[in-house]
PDB file of N, CA and C in Angstrom:
ATOM      1  N   MET A   1      17.883  -6.507   8.409  1.00  0.00           N
ATOM      2  CA  MET A   1      16.481  -6.205   8.641  1.00  0.00           C
ATOM      3  C   MET A   1      15.926  -5.329   7.516  1.00  0.00           C
ATOM      4  N   ALA A   2      14.766  -5.660   7.035  1.00  0.00           N
ATOM      5  CA  ALA A   2      14.176  -4.933   5.946  1.00  0.00           C
ATOM      6  C   ALA A   2      13.236  -3.824   6.493  1.00  0.00           C
ATOM      7  N   LYS A   3      12.908  -2.862   5.647  1.00  0.00           N
ATOM      8  CA  LYS A   3      11.945  -1.841   6.039  1.00  0.00           C
ATOM      9  C   LYS A   3      10.963  -1.601   4.886  1.00  0.00           C
ATOM     10  N   ILE A   4       9.810  -1.041   5.212  1.00  0.00           N
ATOM     11  CA  ILE A   4       8.759  -0.763   4.212  1.00  0.00           C
ATOM     12  C   ILE A   4       9.009   0.636   3.678  1.00  0.00           C
ATOM     13  N   THR A   5       9.131   0.746   2.369  1.00  0.00           N
ATOM     14  CA  THR A   5       9.240   2.037   1.722  1.00  0.00           C
ATOM     15  C   THR A   5       8.176   2.175   0.616  1.00  0.00           C
ATOM     16  N   TYR A   6       7.982   3.350   0.170  1.00  0.00           N
ATOM     17  CA  TYR A   6       6.963   3.549  -0.894  1.00  0.00           C
ATOM     18  C   TYR A   6       7.384   4.663  -1.852  1.00  0.00           C
ATOM     19  N   LYS A   7       6.744   4.615  -2.991  1.00  0.00           N
ATOM     20  CA  LYS A   7       6.918   5.663  -4.008  1.00  0.00           C
ATOM     21  C   LYS A   7       5.544   6.116  -4.442  1.00  0.00           C
ATOM     22  N   SER A   8       5.271   7.397  -4.341  1.00  0.00           N
ATOM     23  CA  SER A   8       3.964   7.936  -4.712  1.00  0.00           C
ATOM     24  C   SER A   8       4.058   8.597  -6.093  1.00  0.00           C
ATOM     25  N   ILE A   9       2.994   8.504  -6.839  1.00  0.00           N
ATOM     26  CA  ILE A   9       2.941   9.146  -8.165  1.00  0.00           C
ATOM     27  C   ILE A   9       2.361  10.528  -8.106  1.00  0.00           C
ATOM     28  N   PRO A  10       1.159  10.746  -7.485  1.00  0.00           N
ATOM     29  CA  PRO A  10       0.598  12.110  -7.511  1.00  0.00           C
ATOM     30  C   PRO A  10       1.281  13.056  -6.498  1.00  0.00           C
ATOM     31  N   ASN A  11       1.402  14.312  -6.907  1.00  0.00           N
ATOM     32  CA  ASN A  11       1.970  15.318  -5.997  1.00  0.00           C
ATOM     33  C   ASN A  11       0.944  15.764  -4.981  1.00  0.00           C
ATOM     34  N   ASP A  12      -0.316  15.864  -5.433  1.00  0.00           N
ATOM     35  CA  ASP A  12      -1.388  16.258  -4.533  1.00  0.00           C
ATOM     36  C   ASP A  12      -2.186  15.016  -4.125  1.00  0.00           C
ATOM     37  N   LYS A  13      -1.765  14.384  -3.051  1.00  0.00           N
ATOM     38  CA  LYS A  13      -2.358  13.124  -2.600  1.00  0.00           C
ATOM     39  C   LYS A  13      -3.721  13.418  -1.983  1.00  0.00           C
ATOM     40  N   PRO A  14      -4.703  12.531  -2.287  1.00  0.00           N
ATOM     41  CA  PRO A  14      -5.973  12.658  -1.570  1.00  0.00           C
ATOM     42  C   PRO A  14      -5.789  12.279  -0.068  1.00  0.00           C
ATOM     43  N   LEU A  15      -6.697  12.757   0.724  1.00  0.00           N
ATOM     44  CA  LEU A  15      -6.591  12.526   2.169  1.00  0.00           C
ATOM     45  C   LEU A  15      -6.574  11.051   2.507  1.00  0.00           C
ATOM     46  N   TRP A  16      -7.318  10.211   1.817  1.00  0.00           N
ATOM     47  CA  TRP A  16      -7.378   8.789   2.120  1.00  0.00           C
ATOM     48  C   TRP A  16      -6.024   8.137   1.913  1.00  0.00           C
ATOM     49  N   LEU A  17      -5.265   8.619   0.889  1.00  0.00           N
ATOM     50  CA  LEU A  17      -3.942   8.053   0.638  1.00  0.00           C
ATOM     51  C   LEU A  17      -2.974   8.458   1.738  1.00  0.00           C
ATOM     52  N   LEU A  18      -3.081   9.691   2.210  1.00  0.00           N
ATOM     53  CA  LEU A  18      -2.247  10.172   3.346  1.00  0.00           C
ATOM     54  C   LEU A  18      -2.551   9.326   4.599  1.00  0.00           C
ATOM     55  N   LYS A  19      -3.831   9.051   4.825  1.00  0.00           N
ATOM     56  CA  LYS A  19      -4.213   8.221   5.995  1.00  0.00           C
ATOM     57  C   LYS A  19      -3.641   6.787   5.845  1.00  0.00           C
ATOM     58  N   LEU A  20      -3.735   6.236   4.647  1.00  0.00           N
ATOM     59  CA  LEU A  20      -3.178   4.923   4.407  1.00  0.00           C
ATOM     60  C   LEU A  20      -1.649   4.928   4.628  1.00  0.00           C
ATOM     61  N   GLN A  21      -0.942   5.898   4.136  1.00  0.00           N
ATOM     62  CA  GLN A  21       0.477   5.994   4.346  1.00  0.00           C
ATOM     63  C   GLN A  21       0.793   6.007   5.838  1.00  0.00           C
ATOM     64  N   MET A  22       0.036   6.806   6.602  1.00  0.00           N
ATOM     65  CA  MET A  22       0.277   6.903   8.014  1.00  0.00           C
ATOM     66  C   MET A  22       0.066   5.565   8.743  1.00  0.00           C
ATOM     67  N   ALA A  23      -0.980   4.848   8.340  1.00  0.00           N
ATOM     68  CA  ALA A  23      -1.244   3.546   8.956  1.00  0.00           C
ATOM     69  C   ALA A  23      -0.102   2.566   8.653  1.00  0.00           C
ATOM     70  N   VAL A  24       0.344   2.560   7.405  1.00  0.00           N
ATOM     71  CA  VAL A  24       1.454   1.639   7.035  1.00  0.00           C
ATOM     72  C   VAL A  24       2.716   2.028   7.739  1.00  0.00           C
ATOM     73  N   SER A  25       2.996   3.344   7.902  1.00  0.00           N
ATOM     74  CA  SER A  25       4.221   3.801   8.520  1.00  0.00           C
ATOM     75  C   SER A  25       4.262   3.431  10.016  1.00  0.00           C
ATOM     76  N   GLN A  26       3.089   3.182  10.631  1.00  0.00           N
ATOM     77  CA  GLN A  26       3.050   2.838  12.033  1.00  0.00           C
ATOM     78  C   GLN A  26       3.186   1.334  12.269  1.00  0.00           C
ATOM     79  N   LEU A  27       3.271   0.564  11.196  1.00  0.00           N
ATOM     80  CA  LEU A  27       3.493  -0.899  11.318  1.00  0.00           C
ATOM     81  C   LEU A  27       4.849  -1.179  11.946  1.00  0.00           C
ATOM     82  N   ASP A  28       4.923  -2.211  12.768  1.00  0.00           N
ATOM     83  CA  ASP A  28       6.155  -2.660  13.299  1.00  0.00           C
ATOM     84  C   ASP A  28       6.917  -3.523  12.253  1.00  0.00           C
ATOM     85  N   ALA A  29       7.972  -2.970  11.710  1.00  0.00           N
ATOM     86  CA  ALA A  29       8.646  -3.624  10.587  1.00  0.00           C
ATOM     87  C   ALA A  29       9.810  -4.522  11.116  1.00  0.00           C
ATOM     88  N   THR A  30       9.965  -4.660  12.388  1.00  0.00           N
ATOM     89  CA  THR A  30      11.062  -5.506  12.869  1.00  0.00           C
ATOM     90  C   THR A  30      10.736  -6.975  12.471  1.00  0.00           C
ATOM     91  N   GLY A  31      11.771  -7.624  12.040  1.00  0.00           N
ATOM     92  CA  GLY A  31      11.640  -9.053  11.691  1.00  0.00           C
ATOM     93  C   GLY A  31      11.231  -9.243  10.253  1.00  0.00           C
ATOM     94  N   LEU A  32      11.017  -8.215   9.512  1.00  0.00           N
ATOM     95  CA  LEU A  32      10.690  -8.324   8.084  1.00  0.00           C
ATOM     96  C   LEU A  32      11.919  -8.803   7.292  1.00  0.00           C
ATOM     97  N   LYS A  33      11.647  -9.768   6.408  1.00  0.00           N
ATOM     98  CA  LYS A  33      12.773 -10.289   5.558  1.00  0.00           C
ATOM     99  C   LYS A  33      12.533  -9.897   4.106  1.00  0.00           C
ATOM    100  N   GLY A  34      11.403  -9.422   3.776  1.00  0.00           N
ATOM    101  CA  GLY A  34      11.115  -9.046   2.347  1.00  0.00           C
ATOM    102  C   GLY A  34      10.732 -10.276   1.534  1.00  0.00           C
ATOM    103  N   ASP A  35      10.296 -11.355   2.190  1.00  0.00           N
ATOM    104  CA  ASP A  35       9.911 -12.509   1.430  1.00  0.00           C
ATOM    105  C   ASP A  35       8.426 -12.457   1.012  1.00  0.00           C
ATOM    106  N   GLU A  36       8.012 -13.446   0.280  1.00  0.00           N
ATOM    107  CA  GLU A  36       6.641 -13.459  -0.283  1.00  0.00           C
ATOM    108  C   GLU A  36       5.602 -13.355   0.864  1.00  0.00           C
ATOM    109  N   GLN A  37       5.810 -14.022   1.974  1.00  0.00           N
ATOM    110  CA  GLN A  37       4.873 -13.968   3.084  1.00  0.00           C
ATOM    111  C   GLN A  37       4.744 -12.546   3.655  1.00  0.00           C
ATOM    112  N   ASP A  38       5.891 -11.824   3.771  1.00  0.00           N
ATOM    113  CA  ASP A  38       5.837 -10.443   4.267  1.00  0.00           C
ATOM    114  C   ASP A  38       4.985  -9.597   3.312  1.00  0.00           C
ATOM    115  N   PHE A  39       5.146  -9.788   2.022  1.00  0.00           N
ATOM    116  CA  PHE A  39       4.351  -9.012   1.044  1.00  0.00           C
ATOM    117  C   PHE A  39       2.887  -9.371   1.113  1.00  0.00           C
ATOM    118  N   ARG A  40       2.552 -10.644   1.289  1.00  0.00           N
ATOM    119  CA  ARG A  40       1.138 -11.009   1.386  1.00  0.00           C
ATOM    120  C   ARG A  40       0.514 -10.434   2.643  1.00  0.00           C
ATOM    121  N   ASN A  41       1.268 -10.421   3.727  1.00  0.00           N
ATOM    122  CA  ASN A  41       0.772  -9.847   4.989  1.00  0.00           C
ATOM    123  C   ASN A  41       0.560  -8.345   4.833  1.00  0.00           C
ATOM    124  N   LEU A  42       1.537  -7.638   4.223  1.00  0.00           N
ATOM    125  CA  LEU A  42       1.426  -6.214   4.026  1.00  0.00           C
ATOM    126  C   LEU A  42       0.219  -5.898   3.097  1.00  0.00           C
ATOM    127  N   LYS A  43       0.043  -6.683   2.053  1.00  0.00           N
ATOM    128  CA  LYS A  43      -1.078  -6.464   1.131  1.00  0.00           C
ATOM    129  C   LYS A  43      -2.419  -6.670   1.868  1.00  0.00           C
ATOM    130  N   SER A  44      -2.501  -7.677   2.725  1.00  0.00           N
ATOM    131  CA  SER A  44      -3.723  -7.912   3.531  1.00  0.00           C
ATOM    132  C   SER A  44      -4.011  -6.738   4.432  1.00  0.00           C
ATOM    133  N   PHE A  45      -2.962  -6.163   5.056  1.00  0.00           N
ATOM    134  CA  PHE A  45      -3.135  -5.027   5.947  1.00  0.00           C
ATOM    135  C   PHE A  45      -3.640  -3.841   5.128  1.00  0.00           C
ATOM    136  N   ILE A  46      -2.986  -3.582   3.954  1.00  0.00           N
ATOM    137  CA  ILE A  46      -3.373  -2.448   3.134  1.00  0.00           C
ATOM    138  C   ILE A  46      -4.816  -2.632   2.654  1.00  0.00           C
ATOM    139  N   ASP A  47      -5.190  -3.795   2.229  1.00  0.00           N
ATOM    140  CA  ASP A  47      -6.585  -4.062   1.799  1.00  0.00           C
ATOM    141  C   ASP A  47      -7.553  -3.801   2.904  1.00  0.00           C
ATOM    142  N   ALA A  48      -7.240  -4.188   4.141  1.00  0.00           N
ATOM    143  CA  ALA A  48      -8.133  -3.953   5.290  1.00  0.00           C
ATOM    144  C   ALA A  48      -8.216  -2.474   5.557  1.00  0.00           C
ATOM    145  N   GLU A  49      -7.135  -1.764   5.468  1.00  0.00           N
ATOM    146  CA  GLU A  49      -7.181  -0.289   5.706  1.00  0.00           C
ATOM    147  C   GLU A  49      -8.023   0.386   4.645  1.00  0.00           C
ATOM    148  N   ILE A  50      -7.913  -0.043   3.387  1.00  0.00           N
ATOM    149  CA  ILE A  50      -8.699   0.536   2.323  1.00  0.00           C
ATOM    150  C   ILE A  50     -10.203   0.271   2.559  1.00  0.00           C
ATOM    151  N   ARG A  51     -10.536  -0.962   2.970  1.00  0.00           N
ATOM    152  CA  ARG A  51     -11.954  -1.251   3.268  1.00  0.00           C
ATOM    153  C   ARG A  51     -12.441  -0.344   4.435  1.00  0.00           C
ATOM    154  N   SER A  52     -11.616  -0.179   5.427  1.00  0.00           N
ATOM    155  CA  SER A  52     -11.993   0.667   6.572  1.00  0.00           C
ATOM    156  C   SER A  52     -12.213   2.085   6.080  1.00  0.00           C
ATOM    157  N   LEU A  53     -11.295   2.628   5.217  1.00  0.00           N
ATOM    158  CA  LEU A  53     -11.483   3.995   4.714  1.00  0.00           C
ATOM    159  C   LEU A  53     -12.731   4.121   3.871  1.00  0.00           C
ATOM    160  N   MET A  54     -13.117   3.033   3.137  1.00  0.00           N
ATOM    161  CA  MET A  54     -14.342   3.126   2.366  1.00  0.00           C
ATOM    162  C   MET A  54     -15.565   3.105   3.277  1.00  0.00           C
ATOM    163  N   GLU A  55     -15.524   2.314   4.339  1.00  0.00           N
ATOM    164  CA  GLU A  55     -16.628   2.247   5.240  1.00  0.00           C
ATOM    165  C   GLU A  55     -16.817   3.562   6.017  1.00  0.00           C
ATOM    166  N   LYS A  56     -15.728   4.213   6.304  1.00  0.00           N
ATOM    167  CA  LYS A  56     -15.781   5.544   6.977  1.00  0.00           C
ATOM    168  C   LYS A  56     -16.185   6.665   6.042  1.00  0.00           C
ATOM    169  N   GLY A  57     -16.187   6.389   4.756  1.00  0.00           N
ATOM    170  CA  GLY A  57     -16.525   7.444   3.783  1.00  0.00           C
ATOM    171  C   GLY A  57     -15.365   8.272   3.280  1.00  0.00           C
ATOM    172  N   ASP A  58     -14.119   7.921   3.663  1.00  0.00           N
ATOM    173  CA  ASP A  58     -12.967   8.633   3.188  1.00  0.00           C
ATOM    174  C   ASP A  58     -12.697   8.403   1.733  1.00  0.00           C
ATOM    175  N   ILE A  59     -13.063   7.194   1.278  1.00  0.00           N
ATOM    176  CA  ILE A  59     -12.934   6.911  -0.165  1.00  0.00           C
ATOM    177  C   ILE A  59     -14.359   6.733  -0.658  1.00  0.00           C
ATOM    178  N   ARG A  60     -14.803   7.657  -1.507  1.00  0.00           N
ATOM    179  CA  ARG A  60     -16.183   7.649  -1.983  1.00  0.00           C
ATOM    180  C   ARG A  60     -16.333   7.404  -3.469  1.00  0.00           C
ATOM    181  N   ARG A  61     -15.712   8.248  -4.290  1.00  0.00           N
ATOM    182  CA  ARG A  61     -15.929   8.185  -5.692  1.00  0.00           C
ATOM    183  C   ARG A  61     -14.836   7.462  -6.467  1.00  0.00           C
ATOM    184  N   SER A  62     -13.879   6.973  -5.752  1.00  0.00           N
ATOM    185  CA  SER A  62     -12.733   6.282  -6.410  1.00  0.00           C
ATOM    186  C   SER A  62     -12.840   4.793  -6.310  1.00  0.00           C
ATOM    187  N   PHE A  63     -12.351   4.129  -7.357  1.00  0.00           N
ATOM    188  CA  PHE A  63     -12.238   2.641  -7.305  1.00  0.00           C
ATOM    189  C   PHE A  63     -10.788   2.390  -6.982  1.00  0.00           C
ATOM    190  N   VAL A  64     -10.566   1.795  -5.793  1.00  0.00           N
ATOM    191  CA  VAL A  64      -9.206   1.593  -5.279  1.00  0.00           C
ATOM    192  C   VAL A  64      -8.985   0.089  -5.123  1.00  0.00           C
ATOM    193  N   GLU A  65      -7.856  -0.394  -5.658  1.00  0.00           N
ATOM    194  CA  GLU A  65      -7.490  -1.763  -5.550  1.00  0.00           C
ATOM    195  C   GLU A  65      -6.007  -1.933  -5.375  1.00  0.00           C
ATOM    196  N   THR A  66      -5.566  -3.098  -4.915  1.00  0.00           N
ATOM    197  CA  THR A  66      -4.149  -3.359  -4.779  1.00  0.00           C
ATOM    198  C   THR A  66      -3.763  -4.609  -5.590  1.00  0.00           C
ATOM    199  N   GLU A  67      -2.486  -4.689  -5.898  1.00  0.00           N
ATOM    200  CA  GLU A  67      -2.039  -5.838  -6.663  1.00  0.00           C
ATOM    201  C   GLU A  67      -0.601  -6.150  -6.227  1.00  0.00           C
ATOM    202  N   LEU A  68      -0.360  -7.389  -5.930  1.00  0.00           N
ATOM    203  CA  LEU A  68       0.982  -7.895  -5.631  1.00  0.00           C
ATOM    204  C   LEU A  68       1.603  -8.295  -6.916  1.00  0.00           C
ATOM    205  N   ARG A  69       2.780  -7.720  -7.248  1.00  0.00           N
ATOM    206  CA  ARG A  69       3.375  -7.910  -8.558  1.00  0.00           C
ATOM    207  C   ARG A  69       4.860  -8.074  -8.499  1.00  0.00           C
ATOM    208  N   HIS A  70       5.371  -8.911  -9.342  1.00  0.00           N
ATOM    209  CA  HIS A  70       6.832  -9.062  -9.484  1.00  0.00           C
ATOM    210  C   HIS A  70       7.273  -8.108 -10.591  1.00  0.00           C
ATOM    211  N   ASP A  71       7.981  -7.070 -10.218  1.00  0.00           N
ATOM    212  CA  ASP A  71       8.327  -6.004 -11.173  1.00  0.00           C
ATOM    213  C   ASP A  71       9.860  -5.801 -11.185  1.00  0.00           C
ATOM    214  N   ALA A  72      10.489  -5.956 -12.357  1.00  0.00           N
ATOM    215  CA  ALA A  72      11.878  -5.777 -12.593  1.00  0.00           C
ATOM    216  C   ALA A  72      12.715  -6.609 -11.573  1.00  0.00           C
ATOM    217  N   GLY A  73      12.307  -7.842 -11.376  1.00  0.00           N
ATOM    218  CA  GLY A  73      13.106  -8.753 -10.542  1.00  0.00           C
ATOM    219  C   GLY A  73      12.847  -8.587  -9.022  1.00  0.00           C
ATOM    220  N   ARG A  74      11.887  -7.749  -8.650  1.00  0.00           N
ATOM    221  CA  ARG A  74      11.579  -7.674  -7.217  1.00  0.00           C
ATOM    222  C   ARG A  74      10.057  -7.608  -7.020  1.00  0.00           C
ATOM    223  N   THR A  75       9.628  -7.905  -5.840  1.00  0.00           N
ATOM    224  CA  THR A  75       8.216  -7.917  -5.515  1.00  0.00           C
ATOM    225  C   THR A  75       7.756  -6.568  -5.017  1.00  0.00           C
ATOM    226  N   VAL A  76       6.631  -6.098  -5.475  1.00  0.00           N
ATOM    227  CA  VAL A  76       6.085  -4.801  -5.063  1.00  0.00           C
ATOM    228  C   VAL A  76       4.553  -4.951  -4.871  1.00  0.00           C
ATOM    229  N   ILE A  77       4.006  -3.982  -4.170  1.00  0.00           N
ATOM    230  CA  ILE A  77       2.542  -3.841  -4.045  1.00  0.00           C
ATOM    231  C   ILE A  77       2.145  -2.547  -4.682  1.00  0.00           C
ATOM    232  N   HIS A  78       1.308  -2.597  -5.713  1.00  0.00           N
ATOM    233  CA  HIS A  78       0.815  -1.410  -6.368  1.00  0.00           C
ATOM    234  C   HIS A  78      -0.570  -1.094  -5.812  1.00  0.00           C
ATOM    235  N   ILE A  79      -0.790   0.183  -5.596  1.00  0.00           N
ATOM    236  CA  ILE A  79      -2.139   0.702  -5.217  1.00  0.00           C
ATOM    237  C   ILE A  79      -2.639   1.485  -6.425  1.00  0.00           C
ATOM    238  N   PHE A  80      -3.830   1.084  -6.877  1.00  0.00           N
ATOM    239  CA  PHE A  80      -4.421   1.706  -8.064  1.00  0.00           C
ATOM    240  C   PHE A  80      -5.654   2.553  -7.622  1.00  0.00           C
ATOM    241  N   ARG A  81      -5.796   3.689  -8.192  1.00  0.00           N
ATOM    242  CA  ARG A  81      -6.988   4.511  -8.031  1.00  0.00           C
ATOM    243  C   ARG A  81      -7.620   4.726  -9.436  1.00  0.00           C
ATOM    244  N   ASN A  82      -8.797   4.176  -9.639  1.00  0.00           N
ATOM    245  CA  ASN A  82      -9.441   4.238 -10.954  1.00  0.00           C
ATOM    246  C   ASN A  82      -8.507   3.730 -12.025  1.00  0.00           C
ATOM    247  N   HIS A  83      -7.871   2.595 -11.755  1.00  0.00           N
ATOM    248  CA  HIS A  83      -6.990   1.874 -12.680  1.00  0.00           C
ATOM    249  C   HIS A  83      -5.666   2.535 -12.983  1.00  0.00           C
ATOM    250  N   ILE A  84      -5.275   3.544 -12.211  1.00  0.00           N
ATOM    251  CA  ILE A  84      -4.018   4.248 -12.405  1.00  0.00           C
ATOM    252  C   ILE A  84      -3.173   4.053 -11.103  1.00  0.00           C
ATOM    253  N   ILE A  85      -1.911   3.695 -11.266  1.00  0.00           N
ATOM    254  CA  ILE A  85      -1.045   3.478 -10.089  1.00  0.00           C
ATOM    255  C   ILE A  85      -0.854   4.798  -9.392  1.00  0.00           C
ATOM    256  N   VAL A  86      -1.118   4.803  -8.077  1.00  0.00           N
ATOM    257  CA  VAL A  86      -0.895   6.022  -7.304  1.00  0.00           C
ATOM    258  C   VAL A  86       0.236   5.834  -6.249  1.00  0.00           C
ATOM    259  N   GLN A  87       0.492   4.584  -5.899  1.00  0.00           N
ATOM    260  CA  GLN A  87       1.538   4.309  -4.925  1.00  0.00           C
ATOM    261  C   GLN A  87       2.054   2.891  -5.099  1.00  0.00           C
ATOM    262  N   THR A  88       3.340   2.742  -4.803  1.00  0.00           N
ATOM    263  CA  THR A  88       3.971   1.432  -4.821  1.00  0.00           C
ATOM    264  C   THR A  88       4.734   1.201  -3.538  1.00  0.00           C
ATOM    265  N   TYR A  89       4.521   0.071  -2.911  1.00  0.00           N
ATOM    266  CA  TYR A  89       5.217  -0.261  -1.695  1.00  0.00           C
ATOM    267  C   TYR A  89       6.284  -1.364  -1.923  1.00  0.00           C
ATOM    268  N   TYR A  90       7.422  -1.202  -1.226  1.00  0.00           N
ATOM    269  CA  TYR A  90       8.543  -2.090  -1.322  1.00  0.00           C
ATOM    270  C   TYR A  90       8.903  -2.565   0.073  1.00  0.00           C
ATOM    271  N   ILE A  91       9.485  -3.701   0.225  1.00  0.00           N
ATOM    272  CA  ILE A  91      10.101  -4.139   1.445  1.00  0.00           C
ATOM    273  C   ILE A  91      11.558  -4.394   1.095  1.00  0.00           C
ATOM    274  N   GLU A  92      12.437  -3.539   1.592  1.00  0.00           N
ATOM    275  CA  GLU A  92      13.866  -3.679   1.258  1.00  0.00           C
ATOM    276  C   GLU A  92      14.750  -3.319   2.429  1.00  0.00           C
TER     277      GLU A  92
END
C-alpha cells in the first residue's frame, strides 16, 4: 500500500500552503498504488483545492500552479508559487 508524502521548500509556509497540506493529509490513501492514474487524481484534487483557496481569498497575490512531472525516474507533483517550487508530492 502506498502513501502520500511531501517535501516543502520554504521554512515559513504561507497559510494557504498549510491549508493545502491539511486537505491532502486528510485524503483516504488506502488502495493507492502510485501509478499514473493515482497521480492524475491527486493533481486534480490539489488543483481543485488551490482554486477553492483562491476563491476564498486565501491566495491573493501569488501565482500558484501545479505540474505532474517525471523526476529522477519517479513521478512527482510540483506546486509552484510565482514560478518557484514550494512543495513536491510523492506517492510511495
